[in-house]
PDB file of N, CA and C in Angstrom:
ATOM      1  N   UNK A   1     -11.928 -12.592  -2.438  1.00  0.00           N
ATOM      2  CA  UNK A   1     -11.918 -10.987  -1.791  1.00  0.00           C
ATOM      3  C   UNK A   1     -10.595 -10.660  -1.452  1.00  0.00           C
ATOM      4  N   UNK A   2     -10.412  -9.298  -1.760  1.00  0.00           N
ATOM      5  CA  UNK A   2      -9.070  -8.902  -1.395  1.00  0.00           C
ATOM      6  C   UNK A   2      -9.432  -7.471  -0.644  1.00  0.00           C
ATOM      7  N   UNK A   3      -8.564  -7.299   0.431  1.00  0.00           N
ATOM      8  CA  UNK A   3      -8.475  -6.038   1.143  1.00  0.00           C
ATOM      9  C   UNK A   3      -7.447  -5.089   0.612  1.00  0.00           C
ATOM     10  N   UNK A   4      -7.691  -3.760   0.596  1.00  0.00           N
ATOM     11  CA  UNK A   4      -6.824  -2.863   0.114  1.00  0.00           C
ATOM     12  C   UNK A   4      -6.761  -1.689   1.308  1.00  0.00           C
ATOM     13  N   UNK A   5      -5.371  -1.158   1.383  1.00  0.00           N
ATOM     14  CA  UNK A   5      -5.053  -0.175   2.445  1.00  0.00           C
ATOM     15  C   UNK A   5      -4.079   0.785   1.824  1.00  0.00           C
ATOM     16  N   UNK A   6      -4.388   1.951   2.032  1.00  0.00           N
ATOM     17  CA  UNK A   6      -3.511   3.148   1.699  1.00  0.00           C
ATOM     18  C   UNK A   6      -3.140   3.872   3.113  1.00  0.00           C
ATOM     19  N   UNK A   7      -1.726   4.031   3.248  1.00  0.00           N
ATOM     20  CA  UNK A   7      -1.390   4.603   4.415  1.00  0.00           C
ATOM     21  C   UNK A   7      -0.450   5.901   3.956  1.00  0.00           C
ATOM     22  N   UNK A   8      -0.839   7.144   4.475  1.00  0.00           N
ATOM     23  CA  UNK A   8       0.038   8.241   4.380  1.00  0.00           C
ATOM     24  C   UNK A   8       0.671   8.551   5.547  1.00  0.00           C
ATOM     25  N   UNK A   9       2.000   8.602   5.422  1.00  0.00           N
ATOM     26  CA  UNK A   9       2.839   8.909   6.871  1.00  0.00           C
ATOM     27  C   UNK A   9       4.333   9.236   6.321  1.00  0.00           C
ATOM     28  N   UNK A  10       4.800  10.274   7.053  1.00  0.00           N
ATOM     29  CA  UNK A  10       6.031  10.734   6.666  1.00  0.00           C
ATOM     30  C   UNK A  10       6.342  11.265   5.249  1.00  0.00           C
ATOM     31  N   UNK A  11       5.567  12.000   4.663  1.00  0.00           N
ATOM     32  CA  UNK A  11       5.510  12.348   3.276  1.00  0.00           C
ATOM     33  C   UNK A  11       5.605  11.289   2.302  1.00  0.00           C
ATOM     34  N   UNK A  12       5.152  10.105   2.576  1.00  0.00           N
ATOM     35  CA  UNK A  12       5.139   8.859   1.640  1.00  0.00           C
ATOM     36  C   UNK A  12       3.733   8.278   1.755  1.00  0.00           C
ATOM     37  N   UNK A  13       3.462   7.582   0.590  1.00  0.00           N
ATOM     38  CA  UNK A  13       2.223   6.878   0.466  1.00  0.00           C
ATOM     39  C   UNK A  13       2.482   5.450   0.374  1.00  0.00           C
ATOM     40  N   UNK A  14       2.053   4.460   1.149  1.00  0.00           N
ATOM     41  CA  UNK A  14       2.425   3.086   1.030  1.00  0.00           C
ATOM     42  C   UNK A  14       0.995   2.432   0.740  1.00  0.00           C
ATOM     43  N   UNK A  15       1.032   1.498  -0.244  1.00  0.00           N
ATOM     44  CA  UNK A  15      -0.156   0.748  -0.658  1.00  0.00           C
ATOM     45  C   UNK A  15       0.070  -0.680  -0.088  1.00  0.00           C
ATOM     46  N   UNK A  16      -0.941  -1.198   0.335  1.00  0.00           N
ATOM     47  CA  UNK A  16      -1.107  -2.662   0.855  1.00  0.00           C
ATOM     48  C   UNK A  16      -2.144  -3.452   0.419  1.00  0.00           C
ATOM     49  N   UNK A  17      -2.063  -4.776   0.318  1.00  0.00           N
ATOM     50  CA  UNK A  17      -3.285  -5.766   0.016  1.00  0.00           C
ATOM     51  C   UNK A  17      -3.107  -6.948   1.087  1.00  0.00           C
ATOM     52  N   UNK A  18      -4.357  -7.527   1.356  1.00  0.00           N
ATOM     53  CA  UNK A  18      -4.487  -8.756   1.976  1.00  0.00           C
ATOM     54  C   UNK A  18      -5.530  -9.616   1.386  1.00  0.00           C
ATOM     55  N   UNK A  19      -5.391 -10.791   1.420  1.00  0.00           N
ATOM     56  CA  UNK A  19      -6.262 -11.816   1.035  1.00  0.00           C
ATOM     57  C   UNK A  19      -7.055 -12.352   2.406  1.00  0.00           C
ATOM     58  N   UNK A  20      -6.549 -11.957   3.598  1.00  0.00           N
ATOM     59  CA  UNK A  20      -7.087 -12.314   4.996  1.00  0.00           C
ATOM     60  C   UNK A  20      -6.964 -11.051   5.668  1.00  0.00           C
ATOM     61  N   UNK A  21      -8.157 -10.815   6.556  1.00  0.00           N
ATOM     62  CA  UNK A  21      -7.751  -9.715   7.698  1.00  0.00           C
ATOM     63  C   UNK A  21      -6.544  -9.787   8.263  1.00  0.00           C
ATOM     64  N   UNK A  22      -5.758  -8.602   8.385  1.00  0.00           N
ATOM     65  CA  UNK A  22      -4.431  -8.265   9.111  1.00  0.00           C
ATOM     66  C   UNK A  22      -3.332  -9.262   8.654  1.00  0.00           C
ATOM     67  N   UNK A  23      -3.403  -9.568   7.188  1.00  0.00           N
ATOM     68  CA  UNK A  23      -2.240 -10.288   6.778  1.00  0.00           C
ATOM     69  C   UNK A  23      -1.648  -9.307   5.579  1.00  0.00           C
ATOM     70  N   UNK A  24      -1.217  -8.101   5.842  1.00  0.00           N
ATOM     71  CA  UNK A  24      -1.072  -7.220   4.991  1.00  0.00           C
ATOM     72  C   UNK A  24       0.374  -7.383   4.229  1.00  0.00           C
ATOM     73  N   UNK A  25       0.476  -7.174   2.898  1.00  0.00           N
ATOM     74  CA  UNK A  25       1.552  -7.246   2.208  1.00  0.00           C
ATOM     75  C   UNK A  25       1.602  -5.906   1.366  1.00  0.00           C
ATOM     76  N   UNK A  26       2.892  -5.367   1.502  1.00  0.00           N
ATOM     77  CA  UNK A  26       3.174  -3.920   0.938  1.00  0.00           C
ATOM     78  C   UNK A  26       3.221  -4.198  -0.549  1.00  0.00           C
ATOM     79  N   UNK A  27       2.382  -3.284  -1.354  1.00  0.00           N
ATOM     80  CA  UNK A  27       2.643  -3.450  -2.839  1.00  0.00           C
ATOM     81  C   UNK A  27       3.615  -2.196  -3.303  1.00  0.00           C
ATOM     82  N   UNK A  28       3.770  -1.171  -2.604  1.00  0.00           N
ATOM     83  CA  UNK A  28       4.752  -0.090  -3.097  1.00  0.00           C
ATOM     84  C   UNK A  28       4.784   1.033  -2.128  1.00  0.00           C
ATOM     85  N   UNK A  29       5.601   2.031  -2.333  1.00  0.00           N
ATOM     86  CA  UNK A  29       5.494   3.246  -1.505  1.00  0.00           C
ATOM     87  C   UNK A  29       6.045   4.379  -2.549  1.00  0.00           C
ATOM     88  N   UNK A  30       5.503   5.449  -2.175  1.00  0.00           N
ATOM     89  CA  UNK A  30       5.777   6.620  -3.195  1.00  0.00           C
ATOM     90  C   UNK A  30       5.836   7.908  -2.095  1.00  0.00           C
ATOM     91  N   UNK A  31       6.988   8.546  -2.608  1.00  0.00           N
ATOM     92  CA  UNK A  31       7.222   9.704  -1.707  1.00  0.00           C
ATOM     93  C   UNK A  31       6.850  11.132  -2.505  1.00  0.00           C
ATOM     94  N   UNK A  32       7.138  12.261  -1.795  1.00  0.00           N
ATOM     95  CA  UNK A  32       6.973  13.451  -2.287  1.00  0.00           C
ATOM     96  C   UNK A  32       5.785  13.782  -2.993  1.00  0.00           C
ATOM     97  N   UNK A  33       4.629  13.489  -2.262  1.00  0.00           N
ATOM     98  CA  UNK A  33       3.243  13.583  -3.012  1.00  0.00           C
ATOM     99  C   UNK A  33       2.464  14.832  -2.605  1.00  0.00           C
ATOM    100  N   UNK A  34       1.509  15.233  -3.089  1.00  0.00           N
ATOM    101  CA  UNK A  34       0.747  16.393  -2.759  1.00  0.00           C
ATOM    102  C   UNK A  34      -0.158  16.066  -1.645  1.00  0.00           C
ATOM    103  N   UNK A  35      -0.662  16.986  -0.864  1.00  0.00           N
ATOM    104  CA  UNK A  35      -1.610  16.818   0.373  1.00  0.00           C
ATOM    105  C   UNK A  35      -2.979  16.514  -0.336  1.00  0.00           C
ATOM    106  N   UNK A  36      -3.613  15.398   0.389  1.00  0.00           N
ATOM    107  CA  UNK A  36      -4.941  15.278  -0.162  1.00  0.00           C
ATOM    108  C   UNK A  36      -6.090  16.322   0.414  1.00  0.00           C
ATOM    109  N   UNK A  37      -6.880  16.405  -0.614  1.00  0.00           N
ATOM    110  CA  UNK A  37      -8.150  17.361  -0.280  1.00  0.00           C
ATOM    111  C   UNK A  37      -9.535  16.463  -0.078  1.00  0.00           C
ATOM    112  N   UNK A  38      -9.552  15.533  -0.994  1.00  0.00           N
ATOM    113  CA  UNK A  38     -10.573  14.692  -1.187  1.00  0.00           C
ATOM    114  C   UNK A  38     -10.063  13.268  -1.429  1.00  0.00           C
ATOM    115  N   UNK A  39     -11.173  12.240  -0.920  1.00  0.00           N
ATOM    116  CA  UNK A  39     -10.690  10.807  -1.238  1.00  0.00           C
ATOM    117  C   UNK A  39     -11.909  10.204  -1.796  1.00  0.00           C
ATOM    118  N   UNK A  40     -11.510   9.149  -2.493  1.00  0.00           N
ATOM    119  CA  UNK A  40     -12.628   8.255  -3.128  1.00  0.00           C
ATOM    120  C   UNK A  40     -11.945   7.016  -3.646  1.00  0.00           C
ATOM    121  N   UNK A  41     -12.826   6.068  -4.115  1.00  0.00           N
ATOM    122  CA  UNK A  41     -12.443   4.847  -4.387  1.00  0.00           C
ATOM    123  C   UNK A  41     -13.403   4.494  -5.790  1.00  0.00           C
ATOM    124  N   UNK A  42     -12.821   3.641  -6.477  1.00  0.00           N
ATOM    125  CA  UNK A  42     -13.559   3.279  -7.853  1.00  0.00           C
ATOM    126  C   UNK A  42     -12.938   1.862  -8.263  1.00  0.00           C
ATOM    127  N   UNK A  43     -13.478   1.478  -9.430  1.00  0.00           N
ATOM    128  CA  UNK A  43     -13.063   0.222 -10.286  1.00  0.00           C
ATOM    129  C   UNK A  43     -13.034   0.631 -11.653  1.00  0.00           C
ATOM    130  N   UNK A  44     -12.139  -0.004 -12.471  1.00  0.00           N
ATOM    131  CA  UNK A  44     -11.843   0.089 -13.924  1.00  0.00           C
ATOM    132  C   UNK A  44     -11.895  -1.118 -14.577  1.00  0.00           C
ATOM    133  N   UNK A  45     -12.342  -1.435 -15.622  1.00  0.00           N
ATOM    134  CA  UNK A  45     -12.155  -2.583 -16.626  1.00  0.00           C
ATOM    135  C   UNK A  45     -11.411  -2.007 -17.960  1.00  0.00           C
ATOM    136  N   UNK A  46     -10.578  -1.174 -17.778  1.00  0.00           N
ATOM    137  CA  UNK A  46      -9.856  -0.664 -18.946  1.00  0.00           C
ATOM    138  C   UNK A  46      -9.098  -1.586 -19.452  1.00  0.00           C
ATOM    139  N   UNK A  47      -9.045  -1.997 -20.602  1.00  0.00           N
ATOM    140  CA  UNK A  47      -8.237  -3.142 -21.335  1.00  0.00           C
ATOM    141  C   UNK A  47      -8.326  -4.428 -20.725  1.00  0.00           C
ATOM    142  N   UNK A  48      -9.707  -4.796 -20.063  1.00  0.00           N
ATOM    143  CA  UNK A  48      -9.741  -5.934 -19.576  1.00  0.00           C
ATOM    144  C   UNK A  48     -10.484  -6.795 -20.735  1.00  0.00           C
ATOM    145  N   UNK A  49     -10.317  -8.061 -20.800  1.00  0.00           N
ATOM    146  CA  UNK A  49     -10.983  -9.039 -21.801  1.00  0.00           C
ATOM    147  C   UNK A  49     -12.490  -9.279 -21.300  1.00  0.00           C
ATOM    148  N   UNK A  50     -12.670  -9.297 -19.987  1.00  0.00           N
ATOM    149  CA  UNK A  50     -13.997  -9.518 -19.476  1.00  0.00           C
ATOM    150  C   UNK A  50     -14.425  -8.210 -18.588  1.00  0.00           C
ATOM    151  N   UNK A  51     -15.671  -8.110 -18.368  1.00  0.00           N
ATOM    152  CA  UNK A  51     -16.257  -7.180 -17.371  1.00  0.00           C
ATOM    153  C   UNK A  51     -15.482  -7.497 -16.160  1.00  0.00           C
ATOM    154  N   UNK A  52     -15.350  -6.479 -15.356  1.00  0.00           N
ATOM    155  CA  UNK A  52     -14.654  -6.238 -13.865  1.00  0.00           C
ATOM    156  C   UNK A  52     -15.762  -5.748 -13.015  1.00  0.00           C
ATOM    157  N   UNK A  53     -16.133  -6.386 -11.983  1.00  0.00           N
ATOM    158  CA  UNK A  53     -17.044  -5.776 -11.075  1.00  0.00           C
ATOM    159  C   UNK A  53     -16.324  -5.656  -9.717  1.00  0.00           C
ATOM    160  N   UNK A  54     -16.486  -4.495  -9.177  1.00  0.00           N
ATOM    161  CA  UNK A  54     -16.036  -4.025  -7.807  1.00  0.00           C
ATOM    162  C   UNK A  54     -17.165  -3.774  -6.895  1.00  0.00           C
ATOM    163  N   UNK A  55     -17.054  -4.331  -5.787  1.00  0.00           N
ATOM    164  CA  UNK A  55     -17.987  -4.034  -4.613  1.00  0.00           C
ATOM    165  C   UNK A  55     -17.314  -3.694  -3.540  1.00  0.00           C
ATOM    166  N   UNK A  56     -17.695  -2.819  -2.594  1.00  0.00           N
ATOM    167  CA  UNK A  56     -17.068  -2.093  -1.486  1.00  0.00           C
ATOM    168  C   UNK A  56     -18.005  -2.514  -0.308  1.00  0.00           C
ATOM    169  N   UNK A  57     -17.498  -3.252   0.444  1.00  0.00           N
ATOM    170  CA  UNK A  57     -18.399  -3.443   1.820  1.00  0.00           C
ATOM    171  C   UNK A  57     -18.127  -2.411   2.814  1.00  0.00           C
ATOM    172  N   UNK A  58     -16.750  -1.832   2.778  1.00  0.00           N
ATOM    173  CA  UNK A  58     -16.447  -0.905   3.774  1.00  0.00           C
ATOM    174  C   UNK A  58     -15.219   0.019   3.543  1.00  0.00           C
ATOM    175  N   UNK A  59     -15.507   1.332   3.983  1.00  0.00           N
ATOM    176  CA  UNK A  59     -14.548   2.189   3.583  1.00  0.00           C
ATOM    177  C   UNK A  59     -14.307   3.166   4.728  1.00  0.00           C
ATOM    178  N   UNK A  60     -12.979   3.421   5.053  1.00  0.00           N
ATOM    179  CA  UNK A  60     -12.719   4.107   6.564  1.00  0.00           C
ATOM    180  C   UNK A  60     -11.712   5.036   6.158  1.00  0.00           C
ATOM    181  N   UNK A  61     -11.760   6.358   6.717  1.00  0.00           N
ATOM    182  CA  UNK A  61     -10.580   7.254   6.807  1.00  0.00           C
ATOM    183  C   UNK A  61     -10.332   7.517   8.164  1.00  0.00           C
ATOM    184  N   UNK A  62      -9.063   7.355   8.578  1.00  0.00           N
ATOM    185  CA  UNK A  62      -8.682   7.589  10.078  1.00  0.00           C
ATOM    186  C   UNK A  62      -7.483   8.221  10.136  1.00  0.00           C
ATOM    187  N   UNK A  63      -7.204   9.061  11.251  1.00  0.00           N
ATOM    188  CA  UNK A  63      -6.061   9.753  11.612  1.00  0.00           C
ATOM    189  C   UNK A  63      -5.505   9.022  13.001  1.00  0.00           C
ATOM    190  N   UNK A  64      -4.195   9.008  13.150  1.00  0.00           N
ATOM    191  CA  UNK A  64      -3.628   8.542  14.561  1.00  0.00           C
ATOM    192  C   UNK A  64      -3.994   9.487  15.600  1.00  0.00           C
TER     193      UNK A  64
END
């Protein structure tokens, strides 16, 4: 299992992952982005040698 998190703050987006709850590691940070109007999640197996299966148990959008 892997946990994914996107955080929008101060005109930048940071991406995080964790293999255990609350042990976040930042993947990267991007600035000067557009304001989100809609949000969704998905999985792709583009260029993968084998099928990729994505299962989502939980999805949350929150504001501070």
